[in-house]
Amino acid sequence: MTGSWEARYATEFFGTLILVLLGNGAVANAFLKNTTGNDNPGLANGGWLLVASGYGLGVMLPAMMFGSISGNHLNPAITIGQAVIGIFPWAHVAPYLIWQFLGAIAGQCLILALYWPHYRQTTDNEAVLGTFATSDHANSQLNGFVTEMVGTAVLIFGAMGLYRGMFFHQNIDIANIGVGLLIAAMVISLGGPTGPALNPARDLGPRLVHALLPVPNKGSSHWEYSWVPVVAPIVGAVIGIWIYKIFFGL
């Protein structure tokens, strides 16, 4: 990382904003009524590949833009996991998290503004919430926790390998593409039970927007589940980065 800490905070804000804008924007295009990606609420027309592509590009593009400045965390679980393992200073964890959450909130507000007519036309409350935050589709917080924990552990383990692996450590842009593809693969393969979030800011920031703003046709923000996509990714990130360190070092 080469930027000043102020520049790093700014890139975490804008990077997380882009992540949420492209990721949840793809969900809105797939879920909401009469969009170009879907003329009915749900996944039938837009498809899960549309959503996976949005999240994959939402991570890959900021990584190419900002990775050399801030490390492109865009995710409180990554920041905390790296701090726990000793490769990121604890003194800057709180500022990183604050700017990540603010970026997620700003990105979701842009989605709400852009898709406002389609929110007004979509009467399915769960489809509306799905464009903001995740949920436990099996009505099991335990299943949601396990899904988010394991998914984030695999994500962090894979990202560590891509950025520190012998093939890519001299070509960071190839590693960035790999991380984008990894995110897309995670959404496709592990997205069934919860969404998934894999990122506390990506879920909690937009969930706050859903709860606090006058979103058309919104129902419950499901705060009883909201702790899962916050706590489970953090636990998973610590597990994933520790496993990588034990077997391959840092």
C-alpha atoms as a PDB file:
ATOM      1  CA  MET A   1       0.000   0.000   0.000  1.00  0.00           C
ATOM      2  CA  THR A   2       1.411   3.362  -1.031  1.00  0.00           C
ATOM      3  CA  GLY A   3      -1.196   6.040  -0.268  1.00  0.00           C
ATOM      4  CA  SER A   4      -1.514   8.239   2.797  1.00  0.00           C
ATOM      5  CA  TRP A   5      -3.981   7.007   5.395  1.00  0.00           C
ATOM      6  CA  GLU A   6      -6.445   9.690   4.299  1.00  0.00           C
ATOM      7  CA  ALA A   7      -6.209   8.417   0.714  1.00  0.00           C
ATOM      8  CA  ARG A   8      -6.655   4.842   1.929  1.00  0.00           C
ATOM      9  CA  TYR A   9      -9.817   5.776   3.820  1.00  0.00           C
ATOM     10  CA  ALA A  10     -11.157   7.491   0.687  1.00  0.00           C
ATOM     11  CA  THR A  11     -10.482   4.442  -1.480  1.00  0.00           C
ATOM     12  CA  GLU A  12     -12.234   2.183   1.032  1.00  0.00           C
ATOM     13  CA  PHE A  13     -15.253   4.499   0.838  1.00  0.00           C
ATOM     14  CA  PHE A  14     -15.380   4.677  -2.954  1.00  0.00           C
ATOM     15  CA  GLY A  15     -14.416   1.034  -3.434  1.00  0.00           C
ATOM     16  CA  THR A  16     -17.179  -0.202  -1.134  1.00  0.00           C
ATOM     17  CA  LEU A  17     -19.600   2.216  -2.797  1.00  0.00           C
ATOM     18  CA  ILE A  18     -18.777   0.677  -6.195  1.00  0.00           C
ATOM     19  CA  LEU A  19     -19.051  -2.850  -4.781  1.00  0.00           C
ATOM     20  CA  VAL A  20     -22.553  -2.236  -3.424  1.00  0.00           C
ATOM     21  CA  LEU A  21     -23.640  -0.189  -6.444  1.00  0.00           C
ATOM     22  CA  LEU A  22     -22.683  -2.909  -8.926  1.00  0.00           C
ATOM     23  CA  GLY A  23     -23.557  -5.889  -6.723  1.00  0.00           C
ATOM     24  CA  ASN A  24     -26.880  -4.824  -5.230  1.00  0.00           C
ATOM     25  CA  GLY A  25     -27.610  -2.961  -8.457  1.00  0.00           C
ATOM     26  CA  ALA A  26     -27.468  -6.296 -10.272  1.00  0.00           C
ATOM     27  CA  VAL A  27     -29.826  -7.753  -7.664  1.00  0.00           C
ATOM     28  CA  ALA A  28     -32.233  -4.847  -8.214  1.00  0.00           C
ATOM     29  CA  ASN A  29     -32.107  -5.442 -11.967  1.00  0.00           C
ATOM     30  CA  ALA A  30     -32.889  -9.128 -11.411  1.00  0.00           C
ATOM     31  CA  PHE A  31     -35.507  -8.777  -8.643  1.00  0.00           C
ATOM     32  CA  LEU A  32     -37.511  -5.640  -9.307  1.00  0.00           C
ATOM     33  CA  LYS A  33     -40.488  -5.412 -11.614  1.00  0.00           C
ATOM     34  CA  ASN A  34     -40.241  -4.094 -15.172  1.00  0.00           C
ATOM     35  CA  THR A  35     -36.473  -3.632 -15.232  1.00  0.00           C
ATOM     36  CA  THR A  36     -34.497  -4.515 -18.343  1.00  0.00           C
ATOM     37  CA  GLY A  37     -33.143  -7.551 -16.475  1.00  0.00           C
ATOM     38  CA  ASN A  38     -36.485  -8.817 -15.259  1.00  0.00           C
ATOM     39  CA  ASP A  39     -40.115  -8.017 -16.018  1.00  0.00           C
ATOM     40  CA  ASN A  40     -41.337  -9.802 -12.874  1.00  0.00           C
ATOM     41  CA  PRO A  41     -40.001  -9.835  -9.293  1.00  0.00           C
ATOM     42  CA  GLY A  42     -37.638 -12.733  -8.705  1.00  0.00           C
ATOM     43  CA  LEU A  43     -34.803 -14.432 -10.504  1.00  0.00           C
ATOM     44  CA  ALA A  44     -36.600 -15.985 -13.465  1.00  0.00           C
ATOM     45  CA  ASN A  45     -35.475 -13.525 -16.117  1.00  0.00           C
ATOM     46  CA  GLY A  46     -32.430 -11.707 -14.762  1.00  0.00           C
ATOM     47  CA  GLY A  47     -30.850 -14.869 -13.479  1.00  0.00           C
ATOM     48  CA  TRP A  48     -28.352 -15.607 -10.758  1.00  0.00           C
ATOM     49  CA  LEU A  49     -25.489 -15.208 -13.217  1.00  0.00           C
ATOM     50  CA  LEU A  50     -26.442 -11.533 -13.561  1.00  0.00           C
ATOM     51  CA  VAL A  51     -26.137 -11.118  -9.806  1.00  0.00           C
ATOM     52  CA  ALA A  52     -22.868 -13.052  -9.593  1.00  0.00           C
ATOM     53  CA  SER A  53     -21.370 -10.980 -12.390  1.00  0.00           C
ATOM     54  CA  GLY A  54     -22.349  -7.746 -10.657  1.00  0.00           C
ATOM     55  CA  TYR A  55     -20.636  -8.732  -7.416  1.00  0.00           C
ATOM     56  CA  GLY A  56     -17.590 -10.168  -9.175  1.00  0.00           C
ATOM     57  CA  LEU A  57     -17.053  -6.985 -11.166  1.00  0.00           C
ATOM     58  CA  GLY A  58     -17.951  -4.915  -8.121  1.00  0.00           C
ATOM     59  CA  VAL A  59     -14.903  -6.339  -6.350  1.00  0.00           C
ATOM     60  CA  MET A  60     -12.536  -6.674  -9.308  1.00  0.00           C
ATOM     61  CA  LEU A  61     -12.833  -3.131 -10.671  1.00  0.00           C
ATOM     62  CA  PRO A  62     -12.161  -1.318  -7.370  1.00  0.00           C
ATOM     63  CA  ALA A  63      -9.243  -3.699  -6.809  1.00  0.00           C
ATOM     64  CA  MET A  64      -7.725  -2.556 -10.092  1.00  0.00           C
ATOM     65  CA  MET A  65      -8.471   1.086  -9.280  1.00  0.00           C
ATOM     66  CA  PHE A  66      -7.486   1.248  -5.630  1.00  0.00           C
ATOM     67  CA  GLY A  67      -5.658  -1.937  -4.621  1.00  0.00           C
ATOM     68  CA  SER A  68      -2.226  -0.330  -4.582  1.00  0.00           C
ATOM     69  CA  ILE A  69      -3.492   2.502  -2.359  1.00  0.00           C
ATOM     70  CA  SER A  70      -5.511   0.855   0.421  1.00  0.00           C
ATOM     71  CA  GLY A  71      -5.166  -2.869  -0.157  1.00  0.00           C
ATOM     72  CA  ASN A  72      -8.782  -2.860  -1.375  1.00  0.00           C
ATOM     73  CA  HIS A  73     -10.353  -4.473   1.680  1.00  0.00           C
ATOM     74  CA  LEU A  74     -13.919  -3.189   1.053  1.00  0.00           C
ATOM     75  CA  ASN A  75     -14.975  -5.579   3.799  1.00  0.00           C
ATOM     76  CA  PRO A  76     -14.764  -5.225   7.604  1.00  0.00           C
ATOM     77  CA  ALA A  77     -14.191  -8.979   7.907  1.00  0.00           C
ATOM     78  CA  ILE A  78     -11.013  -8.703   5.811  1.00  0.00           C
ATOM     79  CA  THR A  79      -9.788  -5.685   7.790  1.00  0.00           C
ATOM     80  CA  ILE A  80     -10.392  -7.372  11.145  1.00  0.00           C
ATOM     81  CA  GLY A  81      -8.981 -10.697   9.944  1.00  0.00           C
ATOM     82  CA  GLN A  82      -5.765  -9.047   8.788  1.00  0.00           C
ATOM     83  CA  ALA A  83      -5.487  -7.141  12.063  1.00  0.00           C
ATOM     84  CA  VAL A  84      -5.937 -10.332  14.088  1.00  0.00           C
ATOM     85  CA  ILE A  85      -3.162 -12.028  12.122  1.00  0.00           C
ATOM     86  CA  GLY A  86      -0.882  -9.029  12.555  1.00  0.00           C
ATOM     87  CA  ILE A  87      -0.587  -7.739   8.990  1.00  0.00           C
ATOM     88  CA  PHE A  88      -2.794  -4.666   9.425  1.00  0.00           C
ATOM     89  CA  PRO A  89      -2.468  -2.085  12.235  1.00  0.00           C
ATOM     90  CA  TRP A  90      -5.266  -2.110  14.807  1.00  0.00           C
ATOM     91  CA  ALA A  91      -5.044   1.683  15.053  1.00  0.00           C
ATOM     92  CA  HIS A  92      -6.567   1.997  11.583  1.00  0.00           C
ATOM     93  CA  VAL A  93      -9.215  -0.726  11.844  1.00  0.00           C
ATOM     94  CA  ALA A  94     -11.989   1.583  13.108  1.00  0.00           C
ATOM     95  CA  PRO A  95     -11.469   4.231  10.373  1.00  0.00           C
ATOM     96  CA  TYR A  96     -11.423   1.541   7.686  1.00  0.00           C
ATOM     97  CA  LEU A  97     -14.670   0.060   9.018  1.00  0.00           C
ATOM     98  CA  ILE A  98     -16.374   3.453   9.262  1.00  0.00           C
ATOM     99  CA  TRP A  99     -15.527   4.395   5.676  1.00  0.00           C
ATOM    100  CA  GLN A 100     -16.506   0.942   4.413  1.00  0.00           C
ATOM    101  CA  PHE A 101     -19.942   1.215   6.046  1.00  0.00           C
ATOM    102  CA  LEU A 102     -20.409   4.766   4.772  1.00  0.00           C
ATOM    103  CA  GLY A 103     -19.486   3.630   1.257  1.00  0.00           C
ATOM    104  CA  ALA A 104     -22.011   0.791   1.436  1.00  0.00           C
ATOM    105  CA  ILE A 105     -24.731   3.188   2.605  1.00  0.00           C
ATOM    106  CA  ALA A 106     -23.929   5.686  -0.152  1.00  0.00           C
ATOM    107  CA  GLY A 107     -23.925   2.973  -2.812  1.00  0.00           C
ATOM    108  CA  GLN A 108     -27.309   1.671  -1.668  1.00  0.00           C
ATOM    109  CA  CYS A 109     -28.784   5.181  -1.654  1.00  0.00           C
ATOM    110  CA  LEU A 110     -27.745   5.539  -5.300  1.00  0.00           C
ATOM    111  CA  ILE A 111     -29.452   2.241  -6.152  1.00  0.00           C
ATOM    112  CA  LEU A 112     -32.622   3.392  -4.399  1.00  0.00           C
ATOM    113  CA  ALA A 113     -32.611   6.636  -6.379  1.00  0.00           C
ATOM    114  CA  LEU A 114     -31.927   4.955  -9.735  1.00  0.00           C
ATOM    115  CA  TYR A 115     -34.478   2.158  -9.305  1.00  0.00           C
ATOM    116  CA  TRP A 116     -37.136   4.215  -7.491  1.00  0.00           C
ATOM    117  CA  PRO A 117     -39.885   3.693 -10.129  1.00  0.00           C
ATOM    118  CA  HIS A 118     -39.269  -0.069 -10.045  1.00  0.00           C
ATOM    119  CA  TYR A 119     -39.421  -0.191  -6.246  1.00  0.00           C
ATOM    120  CA  ARG A 120     -42.811   1.500  -6.521  1.00  0.00           C
ATOM    121  CA  GLN A 121     -43.979  -1.191  -8.966  1.00  0.00           C
ATOM    122  CA  THR A 122     -42.643  -4.151  -6.961  1.00  0.00           C
ATOM    123  CA  THR A 123     -45.145  -5.304  -4.348  1.00  0.00           C
ATOM    124  CA  ASP A 124     -43.147  -8.333  -3.141  1.00  0.00           C
ATOM    125  CA  ASN A 125     -41.620  -7.167   0.158  1.00  0.00           C
ATOM    126  CA  GLU A 126     -39.034  -9.941   0.198  1.00  0.00           C
ATOM    127  CA  ALA A 127     -37.882  -9.072  -3.322  1.00  0.00           C
ATOM    128  CA  VAL A 128     -37.465  -5.458  -2.243  1.00  0.00           C
ATOM    129  CA  LEU A 129     -35.452  -6.460   0.848  1.00  0.00           C
ATOM    130  CA  GLY A 130     -33.325  -8.764  -1.306  1.00  0.00           C
ATOM    131  CA  THR A 131     -31.981  -5.750  -3.176  1.00  0.00           C
ATOM    132  CA  PHE A 132     -30.701  -4.367   0.144  1.00  0.00           C
ATOM    133  CA  ALA A 133     -29.697  -7.218   2.418  1.00  0.00           C
ATOM    134  CA  THR A 134     -29.522 -10.977   2.818  1.00  0.00           C
ATOM    135  CA  SER A 135     -31.783 -13.381   4.692  1.00  0.00           C
ATOM    136  CA  ASP A 136     -31.955 -17.005   5.838  1.00  0.00           C
ATOM    137  CA  HIS A 137     -34.069 -18.589   3.136  1.00  0.00           C
ATOM    138  CA  ALA A 138     -34.331 -21.835   5.115  1.00  0.00           C
ATOM    139  CA  ASN A 139     -35.575 -19.867   8.158  1.00  0.00           C
ATOM    140  CA  SER A 140     -32.512 -21.084  10.054  1.00  0.00           C
ATOM    141  CA  GLN A 141     -30.094 -18.632  11.588  1.00  0.00           C
ATOM    142  CA  LEU A 142     -27.752 -21.550  12.265  1.00  0.00           C
ATOM    143  CA  ASN A 143     -27.693 -22.479   8.589  1.00  0.00           C
ATOM    144  CA  GLY A 144     -27.190 -18.830   7.707  1.00  0.00           C
ATOM    145  CA  PHE A 145     -24.303 -18.529  10.167  1.00  0.00           C
ATOM    146  CA  VAL A 146     -22.576 -21.653   8.881  1.00  0.00           C
ATOM    147  CA  THR A 147     -23.053 -20.562   5.267  1.00  0.00           C
ATOM    148  CA  GLU A 148     -21.649 -17.075   5.853  1.00  0.00           C
ATOM    149  CA  MET A 149     -18.786 -18.327   8.031  1.00  0.00           C
ATOM    150  CA  VAL A 150     -17.643 -21.076   5.668  1.00  0.00           C
ATOM    151  CA  GLY A 151     -18.145 -18.907   2.600  1.00  0.00           C
ATOM    152  CA  THR A 152     -16.070 -16.055   4.004  1.00  0.00           C
ATOM    153  CA  ALA A 153     -13.352 -18.447   5.177  1.00  0.00           C
ATOM    154  CA  VAL A 154     -13.075 -19.868   1.669  1.00  0.00           C
ATOM    155  CA  LEU A 155     -13.124 -16.361   0.187  1.00  0.00           C
ATOM    156  CA  ILE A 156     -10.317 -15.077   2.411  1.00  0.00           C
ATOM    157  CA  PHE A 157      -8.255 -18.248   1.981  1.00  0.00           C
ATOM    158  CA  GLY A 158      -8.640 -17.980  -1.793  1.00  0.00           C
ATOM    159  CA  ALA A 159      -7.859 -14.268  -1.877  1.00  0.00           C
ATOM    160  CA  MET A 160      -4.729 -14.760   0.213  1.00  0.00           C
ATOM    161  CA  GLY A 161      -3.589 -17.445  -2.200  1.00  0.00           C
ATOM    162  CA  LEU A 162      -4.253 -15.294  -5.245  1.00  0.00           C
ATOM    163  CA  TYR A 163      -2.452 -12.235  -3.922  1.00  0.00           C
ATOM    164  CA  ARG A 164       0.420 -14.088  -2.286  1.00  0.00           C
ATOM    165  CA  GLY A 165       0.681 -17.142  -4.536  1.00  0.00           C
ATOM    166  CA  MET A 166       3.844 -17.731  -6.537  1.00  0.00           C
ATOM    167  CA  PHE A 167       2.157 -17.282  -9.911  1.00  0.00           C
ATOM    168  CA  PHE A 168       0.509 -13.919  -9.302  1.00  0.00           C
ATOM    169  CA  HIS A 169       2.632 -12.023  -6.791  1.00  0.00           C
ATOM    170  CA  GLN A 170       4.431 -10.220  -9.610  1.00  0.00           C
ATOM    171  CA  ASN A 171       1.269  -9.482 -11.596  1.00  0.00           C
ATOM    172  CA  ILE A 172      -1.304  -8.014  -9.259  1.00  0.00           C
ATOM    173  CA  ASP A 173      -3.858  -7.298 -12.009  1.00  0.00           C
ATOM    174  CA  ILE A 174      -4.173 -11.005 -12.793  1.00  0.00           C
ATOM    175  CA  ALA A 175      -4.738 -11.632  -9.086  1.00  0.00           C
ATOM    176  CA  ASN A 176      -7.434  -8.920  -9.089  1.00  0.00           C
ATOM    177  CA  ILE A 177      -9.226 -10.678 -11.946  1.00  0.00           C
ATOM    178  CA  GLY A 178      -8.929 -13.917 -10.020  1.00  0.00           C
ATOM    179  CA  VAL A 179     -10.526 -12.394  -6.935  1.00  0.00           C
ATOM    180  CA  GLY A 180     -13.399 -11.050  -9.038  1.00  0.00           C
ATOM    181  CA  LEU A 181     -13.954 -14.518 -10.492  1.00  0.00           C
ATOM    182  CA  LEU A 182     -13.725 -16.009  -6.995  1.00  0.00           C
ATOM    183  CA  ILE A 183     -16.466 -13.682  -5.731  1.00  0.00           C
ATOM    184  CA  ALA A 184     -18.669 -14.553  -8.719  1.00  0.00           C
ATOM    185  CA  ALA A 185     -18.087 -18.262  -8.119  1.00  0.00           C
ATOM    186  CA  MET A 186     -18.923 -17.883  -4.428  1.00  0.00           C
ATOM    187  CA  VAL A 187     -22.226 -16.165  -5.253  1.00  0.00           C
ATOM    188  CA  ILE A 188     -23.108 -18.840  -7.814  1.00  0.00           C
ATOM    189  CA  SER A 189     -22.107 -21.827  -5.677  1.00  0.00           C
ATOM    190  CA  LEU A 190     -22.845 -20.719  -2.108  1.00  0.00           C
ATOM    191  CA  GLY A 191     -25.472 -18.058  -2.680  1.00  0.00           C
ATOM    192  CA  GLY A 192     -28.499 -20.312  -2.301  1.00  0.00           C
ATOM    193  CA  PRO A 193     -29.009 -20.321   1.477  1.00  0.00           C
ATOM    194  CA  THR A 194     -28.385 -16.637   2.272  1.00  0.00           C
ATOM    195  CA  GLY A 195     -27.497 -14.493  -0.700  1.00  0.00           C
ATOM    196  CA  PRO A 196     -24.635 -14.491   0.374  1.00  0.00           C
ATOM    197  CA  ALA A 197     -23.225 -11.438   2.189  1.00  0.00           C
ATOM    198  CA  LEU A 198     -19.620 -12.486   3.018  1.00  0.00           C
ATOM    199  CA  ASN A 199     -19.217  -8.869   4.088  1.00  0.00           C
ATOM    200  CA  PRO A 200     -20.720  -7.059   7.126  1.00  0.00           C
ATOM    201  CA  ALA A 201     -20.704  -3.649   5.399  1.00  0.00           C
ATOM    202  CA  ARG A 202     -22.411  -4.968   2.271  1.00  0.00           C
ATOM    203  CA  ASP A 203     -25.325  -6.215   4.413  1.00  0.00           C
ATOM    204  CA  LEU A 204     -25.632  -3.914   7.427  1.00  0.00           C
ATOM    205  CA  GLY A 205     -25.159  -0.615   5.561  1.00  0.00           C
ATOM    206  CA  PRO A 206     -27.929  -1.279   3.015  1.00  0.00           C
ATOM    207  CA  ARG A 207     -30.132  -2.816   5.716  1.00  0.00           C
ATOM    208  CA  LEU A 208     -29.947   0.494   7.597  1.00  0.00           C
ATOM    209  CA  VAL A 209     -30.990   2.301   4.413  1.00  0.00           C
ATOM    210  CA  HIS A 210     -33.935  -0.098   4.061  1.00  0.00           C
ATOM    211  CA  ALA A 211     -34.989   0.502   7.660  1.00  0.00           C
ATOM    212  CA  LEU A 212     -34.555   4.266   7.831  1.00  0.00           C
ATOM    213  CA  LEU A 213     -35.613   5.569   4.412  1.00  0.00           C
ATOM    214  CA  PRO A 214     -39.140   5.547   2.956  1.00  0.00           C
ATOM    215  CA  VAL A 215     -38.540   2.655   0.563  1.00  0.00           C
ATOM    216  CA  PRO A 216     -41.673   1.883  -1.458  1.00  0.00           C
ATOM    217  CA  ASN A 217     -43.384  -1.431  -0.681  1.00  0.00           C
ATOM    218  CA  LYS A 218     -40.886  -2.389   1.989  1.00  0.00           C
ATOM    219  CA  GLY A 219     -41.736  -4.819   4.723  1.00  0.00           C
ATOM    220  CA  SER A 220     -39.638  -5.881   7.667  1.00  0.00           C
ATOM    221  CA  SER A 221     -35.882  -5.264   7.657  1.00  0.00           C
ATOM    222  CA  HIS A 222     -35.513  -8.588   9.545  1.00  0.00           C
ATOM    223  CA  TRP A 223     -33.257  -7.240  12.278  1.00  0.00           C
ATOM    224  CA  GLU A 224     -33.571 -10.567  14.097  1.00  0.00           C
ATOM    225  CA  TYR A 225     -31.275 -12.028  11.401  1.00  0.00           C
ATOM    226  CA  SER A 226     -29.034  -8.997  10.881  1.00  0.00           C
ATOM    227  CA  TRP A 227     -26.347 -10.125  13.356  1.00  0.00           C
ATOM    228  CA  VAL A 228     -25.570 -13.221  11.269  1.00  0.00           C
ATOM    229  CA  PRO A 229     -24.078 -11.495   8.176  1.00  0.00           C
ATOM    230  CA  VAL A 230     -22.062  -9.277  10.525  1.00  0.00           C
ATOM    231  CA  VAL A 231     -20.612 -11.796  12.970  1.00  0.00           C
ATOM    232  CA  ALA A 232     -20.294 -14.895  10.782  1.00  0.00           C
ATOM    233  CA  PRO A 233     -18.117 -13.284   8.059  1.00  0.00           C
ATOM    234  CA  ILE A 234     -15.752 -11.908  10.713  1.00  0.00           C
ATOM    235  CA  VAL A 235     -15.396 -15.352  12.296  1.00  0.00           C
ATOM    236  CA  GLY A 236     -14.942 -16.914   8.860  1.00  0.00           C
ATOM    237  CA  ALA A 237     -12.318 -14.368   7.817  1.00  0.00           C
ATOM    238  CA  VAL A 238     -10.227 -15.040  10.924  1.00  0.00           C
ATOM    239  CA  ILE A 239     -10.483 -18.793  10.348  1.00  0.00           C
ATOM    240  CA  GLY A 240      -9.610 -18.524   6.650  1.00  0.00           C
ATOM    241  CA  ILE A 241      -6.580 -16.308   7.152  1.00  0.00           C
ATOM    242  CA  TRP A 242      -5.277 -18.437  10.041  1.00  0.00           C
ATOM    243  CA  ILE A 243      -5.552 -21.618   7.970  1.00  0.00           C
ATOM    244  CA  TYR A 244      -3.619 -19.955   5.157  1.00  0.00           C
ATOM    245  CA  LYS A 245      -0.925 -18.790   7.582  1.00  0.00           C
ATOM    246  CA  ILE A 246      -0.572 -22.199   9.221  1.00  0.00           C
ATOM    247  CA  PHE A 247      -0.050 -24.050   5.948  1.00  0.00           C
ATOM    248  CA  PHE A 248       1.637 -21.461   3.730  1.00  0.00           C
ATOM    249  CA  GLY A 249       2.883 -18.617   5.939  1.00  0.00           C
ATOM    250  CA  LEU A 250       2.520 -14.918   5.199  1.00  0.00           C
END
